[in-house]
Every structure is written in structure tokens, then in C-alpha cells.
Amino acid sequence: MVQKTVVIYTDDLTGKESEEVQTYEFTLNGVAYEIDLAPESYDQMLDDFGPYMEKGRKTGRVKGAQPKAKAGGPSASDMRAWATENGYEVSPRGRVPAGVREAYEAAH
């Protein structure tokens, strides 16, 4: 018997599926929140928070405030190493392009 596990990444704001969804954390009134967003929704969140961030005072960084990869999925560094070995051009930093992710997943 063969089992296949399918992971579907869904934008919490729009409900749409996307391979580029990432998890973001933010804190408001001492309560930490986590939300899964596609790049377009994340840009919208930054636009909405923008006026408040411009007027607010920075008090430092919260540990773990950077977006994190989905649990159970391959790491970006693993995908970059595979992509380089297989002739894809990828930058050493930033988001791994959806086409590279799809090729990686198809090969594994």
C-alpha cells in the first residue's frame, strides 16, 4: 500500500491556496499572534500597519519575529542546494521561487 501526504498551504486572510504562503508573527497588547499569508496578503498587512509603525516607537526586536517555514516541509537551504545541483539559478537569500519549489517537490 502506498500513502501520499499532500500539504496544502492556505492564506489565512483570503482562503486561497498558494505555494508561497509563509507564517508571520506579530504582537499586539502583549498577545502574540501567528498568521499564514501569501506575499500579496503580507504586503497588504504591511500597508495597513504602516501608519502605526511610522508613528510608533520601536522598543526592540522580539525573538523569532522572522517568518518561519511551514512545519514538515523542506527547508529553503535544502531546496537551494538541490536547485543549484540541478541547474536552477537561485539567490542565496530570500524566498525560493515557486517554480523551483514545484520542481523540488516533483523530484522528491
Protein backbone atom coordinates (compact mmCIF):
# COMPACT_ATOMS: atom_id res chain seq x y z
CA MET A 1 0.00 0.00 0.00
CA VAL A 2 1.25 3.47 -0.84
CA GLN A 3 0.38 6.55 1.13
CA LYS A 4 0.78 10.05 -0.17
CA THR A 5 0.66 13.07 2.11
CA VAL A 6 -0.39 16.30 0.48
CA VAL A 7 0.35 19.60 2.21
CA ILE A 8 -1.81 22.49 1.10
CA TYR A 9 -0.69 25.99 2.03
CA THR A 10 -3.62 28.36 2.51
CA ASP A 11 -3.61 32.12 3.01
CA ASP A 12 -5.48 32.81 6.28
CA LEU A 13 -6.77 36.17 5.02
CA THR A 14 -8.09 35.17 1.58
CA GLY A 15 -8.55 31.42 1.98
CA LYS A 16 -6.70 30.88 -1.30
CA GLU A 17 -4.10 28.15 -1.78
CA SER A 18 -0.55 29.22 -2.61
CA GLU A 19 2.89 27.60 -2.61
CA GLU A 20 4.35 30.88 -1.36
CA VAL A 21 2.44 31.06 1.94
CA GLN A 22 4.64 31.81 4.94
CA THR A 23 3.91 32.11 8.63
CA TYR A 24 4.31 35.56 10.20
CA GLU A 25 4.20 36.54 13.85
CA PHE A 26 3.22 39.84 15.41
CA THR A 27 2.41 41.08 18.91
CA LEU A 28 -0.32 43.49 19.98
CA ASN A 29 -1.08 44.47 23.59
CA GLY A 30 1.18 41.70 24.86
CA VAL A 31 -0.61 38.98 22.88
CA ALA A 32 1.42 37.12 20.26
CA TYR A 33 -0.33 36.22 17.01
CA GLU A 34 0.68 33.98 14.12
CA ILE A 35 -0.83 34.15 10.63
CA ASP A 36 -0.16 32.32 7.34
CA LEU A 37 -0.07 34.72 4.39
CA ALA A 38 0.77 34.72 0.70
CA PRO A 39 3.06 37.57 -0.42
CA GLU A 40 0.13 39.75 -1.57
CA SER A 41 -1.65 39.49 1.79
CA TYR A 42 1.59 40.14 3.66
CA ASP A 43 2.11 43.30 1.59
CA GLN A 44 -1.46 44.34 2.43
CA MET A 45 -0.81 43.75 6.16
CA LEU A 46 2.33 45.92 5.98
CA ASP A 47 0.38 48.65 4.18
CA ASP A 48 -2.35 48.53 6.83
CA PHE A 49 0.15 48.59 9.74
CA GLY A 50 2.35 51.20 8.02
CA PRO A 51 0.88 54.39 9.52
CA TYR A 52 1.01 52.91 13.02
CA MET A 53 4.58 51.65 12.59
CA GLU A 54 5.69 55.07 11.31
CA LYS A 55 4.26 56.86 14.37
CA GLY A 56 5.08 54.17 16.92
CA ARG A 57 8.29 53.85 18.93
CA LYS A 58 10.48 50.82 18.38
CA THR A 59 11.23 49.01 21.60
CA GLY A 60 13.44 46.26 20.17
CA ARG A 61 13.02 43.03 18.34
CA VAL A 62 11.08 40.02 19.55
CA LYS A 63 12.93 36.73 19.28
CA GLY A 64 11.54 34.68 16.40
CA ALA A 65 9.84 37.62 14.67
CA GLN A 66 11.07 36.49 11.23
CA PRO A 67 8.82 34.39 9.01
CA LYS A 68 9.32 30.69 9.54
CA ALA A 69 8.94 27.77 7.21
CA LYS A 70 5.93 25.52 7.46
CA ALA A 71 6.46 22.52 9.71
CA GLY A 72 7.20 19.33 7.86
CA GLY A 73 8.24 20.97 4.61
CA PRO A 74 11.73 21.11 3.15
CA SER A 75 14.00 23.92 4.28
CA ALA A 76 14.90 26.73 1.90
CA SER A 77 18.58 25.78 2.16
CA ASP A 78 17.79 22.18 1.12
CA MET A 79 15.79 23.42 -1.87
CA ARG A 80 18.54 25.88 -2.86
CA ALA A 81 21.21 23.16 -2.70
CA TRP A 82 19.06 20.83 -4.80
CA ALA A 83 18.24 23.60 -7.29
CA THR A 84 21.90 24.55 -7.73
CA GLU A 85 22.88 20.90 -8.27
CA ASN A 86 20.13 20.60 -10.89
CA GLY A 87 20.95 23.71 -12.92
CA TYR A 88 18.47 26.20 -11.46
CA GLU A 89 19.61 29.73 -10.66
CA VAL A 90 18.57 30.73 -7.15
CA SER A 91 19.66 33.59 -4.94
CA PRO A 92 21.40 32.74 -1.67
CA ARG A 93 18.75 34.63 0.33
CA GLY A 94 15.06 35.43 0.18
CA ARG A 95 12.08 33.40 -0.95
CA VAL A 96 12.66 30.32 -3.09
CA PRO A 97 10.72 30.81 -6.36
CA ALA A 98 7.53 28.79 -6.73
CA GLY A 99 8.85 27.09 -9.89
CA VAL A 100 11.89 25.79 -8.00
CA ARG A 101 9.68 24.62 -5.12
CA GLU A 102 7.42 22.75 -7.53
CA ALA A 103 10.38 21.12 -9.28
CA TYR A 104 11.90 20.13 -5.93
CA GLU A 105 8.62 18.60 -4.74
CA ALA A 106 8.14 16.76 -8.04
CA ALA A 107 11.64 15.27 -7.72
CA HIS A 108 11.12 14.16 -4.12
